[in-house]
Amino acid sequence: MAKYKFYKKKETDKIWWVKDTDSIGRILFSFDQKKVFNFFTDDVPAKLTQEQWAIFQKERPSLAELK
């Protein structure tokens, strides 16, 4: 099982980014450090709530534009 390390890019962010020690190149993130989303799969935006998607669009607009 992957070992995750959670961190925030800015202290005020609501998104926790995930460093996956078992993989390279995935963009993983979480809102609660429990459920982890993978940006490059159908997780985004399909599995996000409307509130989570709005937060993602606000905090990482350039990534959100790719979806």
N, C-alpha and C. Protein backbone atom coordinates (compact mmCIF):
# COMPACT_ATOMS: atom_id res chain seq x y z
N MET A 1 0.84 -1.18 0.00
CA MET A 1 0.00 0.00 0.00
C MET A 1 0.88 1.24 0.00
N ALA A 2 0.43 2.24 -0.70
CA ALA A 2 1.21 3.48 -0.81
C ALA A 2 1.34 4.16 0.54
N LYS A 3 2.46 4.81 0.71
CA LYS A 3 2.68 5.59 1.92
C LYS A 3 2.58 7.05 1.54
N TYR A 4 1.62 7.73 2.11
CA TYR A 4 1.36 9.12 1.77
C TYR A 4 1.92 10.06 2.82
N LYS A 5 2.41 11.18 2.33
CA LYS A 5 2.79 12.30 3.19
C LYS A 5 1.98 13.49 2.70
N PHE A 6 1.24 14.12 3.59
CA PHE A 6 0.37 15.24 3.24
C PHE A 6 1.07 16.55 3.54
N TYR A 7 0.85 17.52 2.65
CA TYR A 7 1.40 18.86 2.87
C TYR A 7 0.54 19.87 2.14
N LYS A 8 0.64 21.11 2.58
CA LYS A 8 -0.07 22.21 1.92
C LYS A 8 0.94 23.11 1.25
N LYS A 9 0.57 23.60 0.06
CA LYS A 9 1.47 24.52 -0.64
C LYS A 9 1.48 25.88 0.04
N LYS A 10 0.31 26.30 0.56
CA LYS A 10 0.19 27.51 1.36
C LYS A 10 -0.57 27.15 2.62
N GLU A 11 -0.23 27.75 3.71
CA GLU A 11 -0.88 27.43 4.98
C GLU A 11 -2.39 27.65 4.93
N THR A 12 -2.83 28.61 4.13
CA THR A 12 -4.25 28.94 4.06
C THR A 12 -5.04 28.03 3.11
N ASP A 13 -4.37 27.17 2.36
CA ASP A 13 -5.04 26.28 1.42
C ASP A 13 -5.93 25.28 2.15
N LYS A 14 -6.97 24.85 1.46
CA LYS A 14 -7.84 23.78 1.98
C LYS A 14 -7.45 22.44 1.40
N ILE A 15 -6.70 22.47 0.32
CA ILE A 15 -6.26 21.23 -0.32
C ILE A 15 -4.94 20.76 0.30
N TRP A 16 -4.92 19.47 0.64
CA TRP A 16 -3.70 18.82 1.07
C TRP A 16 -3.14 18.08 -0.13
N TRP A 17 -1.92 18.34 -0.48
CA TRP A 17 -1.27 17.62 -1.57
C TRP A 17 -0.61 16.40 -0.98
N VAL A 18 -0.46 15.38 -1.80
CA VAL A 18 0.02 14.09 -1.31
C VAL A 18 1.31 13.71 -2.00
N LYS A 19 2.30 13.44 -1.20
CA LYS A 19 3.53 12.86 -1.74
C LYS A 19 3.41 11.36 -1.56
N ASP A 20 3.39 10.67 -2.68
CA ASP A 20 3.24 9.22 -2.70
C ASP A 20 4.62 8.61 -2.84
N THR A 21 5.10 7.98 -1.79
CA THR A 21 6.46 7.45 -1.81
C THR A 21 6.59 6.19 -2.67
N ASP A 22 5.46 5.65 -3.15
CA ASP A 22 5.49 4.45 -3.98
C ASP A 22 5.30 4.73 -5.47
N SER A 23 5.15 6.01 -5.84
CA SER A 23 4.86 6.32 -7.23
C SER A 23 5.46 7.66 -7.61
N ILE A 24 5.72 7.82 -8.90
CA ILE A 24 6.23 9.09 -9.42
C ILE A 24 5.30 9.58 -10.51
N GLY A 25 5.03 10.87 -10.54
CA GLY A 25 4.28 11.46 -11.63
C GLY A 25 2.78 11.59 -11.43
N ARG A 26 2.25 11.06 -10.36
CA ARG A 26 0.82 11.21 -10.11
C ARG A 26 0.58 12.52 -9.35
N ILE A 27 -0.54 13.15 -9.62
CA ILE A 27 -0.93 14.33 -8.86
C ILE A 27 -2.07 13.90 -7.95
N LEU A 28 -1.74 13.72 -6.69
CA LEU A 28 -2.69 13.26 -5.69
C LEU A 28 -2.97 14.38 -4.70
N PHE A 29 -4.22 14.44 -4.24
CA PHE A 29 -4.59 15.46 -3.27
C PHE A 29 -5.76 14.98 -2.43
N SER A 30 -6.00 15.70 -1.34
CA SER A 30 -7.06 15.34 -0.41
C SER A 30 -7.61 16.61 0.23
N PHE A 31 -8.81 16.50 0.73
CA PHE A 31 -9.39 17.61 1.48
C PHE A 31 -9.40 17.31 2.97
N ASP A 32 -9.28 16.03 3.34
CA ASP A 32 -9.39 15.63 4.74
C ASP A 32 -8.28 14.69 5.20
N GLN A 33 -7.30 14.43 4.37
CA GLN A 33 -6.20 13.51 4.63
C GLN A 33 -6.66 12.07 4.80
N LYS A 34 -7.90 11.77 4.36
CA LYS A 34 -8.41 10.41 4.43
C LYS A 34 -8.70 9.90 3.02
N LYS A 35 -9.53 10.61 2.28
CA LYS A 35 -9.86 10.24 0.91
C LYS A 35 -8.91 10.98 -0.02
N VAL A 36 -8.21 10.21 -0.84
CA VAL A 36 -7.22 10.76 -1.75
C VAL A 36 -7.75 10.69 -3.18
N PHE A 37 -7.63 11.79 -3.89
CA PHE A 37 -8.07 11.88 -5.28
C PHE A 37 -6.85 11.92 -6.20
N ASN A 38 -7.00 11.33 -7.38
CA ASN A 38 -5.95 11.32 -8.39
C ASN A 38 -6.39 12.24 -9.52
N PHE A 39 -5.65 13.31 -9.76
CA PHE A 39 -6.02 14.29 -10.77
C PHE A 39 -6.12 13.68 -12.17
N PHE A 40 -5.29 12.72 -12.48
CA PHE A 40 -5.23 12.17 -13.83
C PHE A 40 -6.21 11.02 -14.10
N THR A 41 -7.14 10.79 -13.21
CA THR A 41 -8.16 9.77 -13.45
C THR A 41 -9.53 10.44 -13.49
N ASP A 42 -10.57 9.64 -13.51
CA ASP A 42 -11.93 10.17 -13.51
C ASP A 42 -12.33 10.79 -12.18
N ASP A 43 -11.44 10.78 -11.19
CA ASP A 43 -11.75 11.40 -9.90
C ASP A 43 -12.11 12.86 -10.05
N VAL A 44 -11.44 13.54 -10.94
CA VAL A 44 -11.59 14.99 -11.07
C VAL A 44 -12.28 15.31 -12.38
N PRO A 45 -13.36 16.04 -12.39
CA PRO A 45 -14.10 16.52 -11.23
C PRO A 45 -15.22 15.58 -10.78
N ALA A 46 -15.40 14.43 -11.44
CA ALA A 46 -16.56 13.57 -11.21
C ALA A 46 -16.77 13.15 -9.75
N LYS A 47 -15.71 12.84 -9.04
CA LYS A 47 -15.86 12.32 -7.68
C LYS A 47 -15.75 13.41 -6.61
N LEU A 48 -15.58 14.64 -7.04
CA LEU A 48 -15.52 15.75 -6.08
C LEU A 48 -16.92 16.30 -5.88
N THR A 49 -17.18 16.80 -4.67
CA THR A 49 -18.43 17.51 -4.45
C THR A 49 -18.34 18.86 -5.15
N GLN A 50 -19.45 19.53 -5.30
CA GLN A 50 -19.42 20.86 -5.92
C GLN A 50 -18.53 21.81 -5.12
N GLU A 51 -18.60 21.70 -3.81
CA GLU A 51 -17.76 22.55 -2.95
C GLU A 51 -16.28 22.24 -3.15
N GLN A 52 -15.92 20.96 -3.20
CA GLN A 52 -14.53 20.58 -3.41
C GLN A 52 -14.02 21.06 -4.77
N TRP A 53 -14.85 20.92 -5.81
CA TRP A 53 -14.44 21.36 -7.14
C TRP A 53 -14.24 22.87 -7.16
N ALA A 54 -15.11 23.61 -6.48
CA ALA A 54 -14.96 25.07 -6.41
C ALA A 54 -13.66 25.44 -5.70
N ILE A 55 -13.33 24.74 -4.63
CA ILE A 55 -12.08 24.99 -3.91
C ILE A 55 -10.89 24.69 -4.82
N PHE A 56 -10.96 23.55 -5.52
CA PHE A 56 -9.87 23.19 -6.44
C PHE A 56 -9.69 24.26 -7.50
N GLN A 57 -10.78 24.72 -8.10
CA GLN A 57 -10.71 25.74 -9.14
C GLN A 57 -10.11 27.04 -8.60
N LYS A 58 -10.42 27.36 -7.36
CA LYS A 58 -9.91 28.60 -6.76
C LYS A 58 -8.41 28.47 -6.43
N GLU A 59 -8.03 27.34 -5.83
CA GLU A 59 -6.65 27.19 -5.36
C GLU A 59 -5.68 26.79 -6.47
N ARG A 60 -6.15 26.08 -7.47
CA ARG A 60 -5.28 25.63 -8.57
C ARG A 60 -5.98 25.81 -9.91
N PRO A 61 -6.23 27.06 -10.30
CA PRO A 61 -6.98 27.33 -11.53
C PRO A 61 -6.31 26.78 -12.79
N SER A 62 -5.00 26.80 -12.85
CA SER A 62 -4.33 26.31 -14.06
C SER A 62 -4.52 24.80 -14.23
N LEU A 63 -4.52 24.05 -13.15
CA LEU A 63 -4.79 22.62 -13.23
C LEU A 63 -6.26 22.38 -13.57
N ALA A 64 -7.14 23.14 -12.95
CA ALA A 64 -8.58 22.96 -13.18
C ALA A 64 -8.93 23.20 -14.65
N GLU A 65 -8.24 24.10 -15.30
CA GLU A 65 -8.49 24.37 -16.72
C GLU A 65 -8.22 23.14 -17.58
N LEU A 66 -7.37 22.26 -17.14
CA LEU A 66 -7.06 21.04 -17.90
C LEU A 66 -8.22 20.05 -17.90
N LYS A 67 -9.14 20.23 -16.98
CA LYS A 67 -10.29 19.33 -16.88
C LYS A 67 -11.50 19.98 -17.48
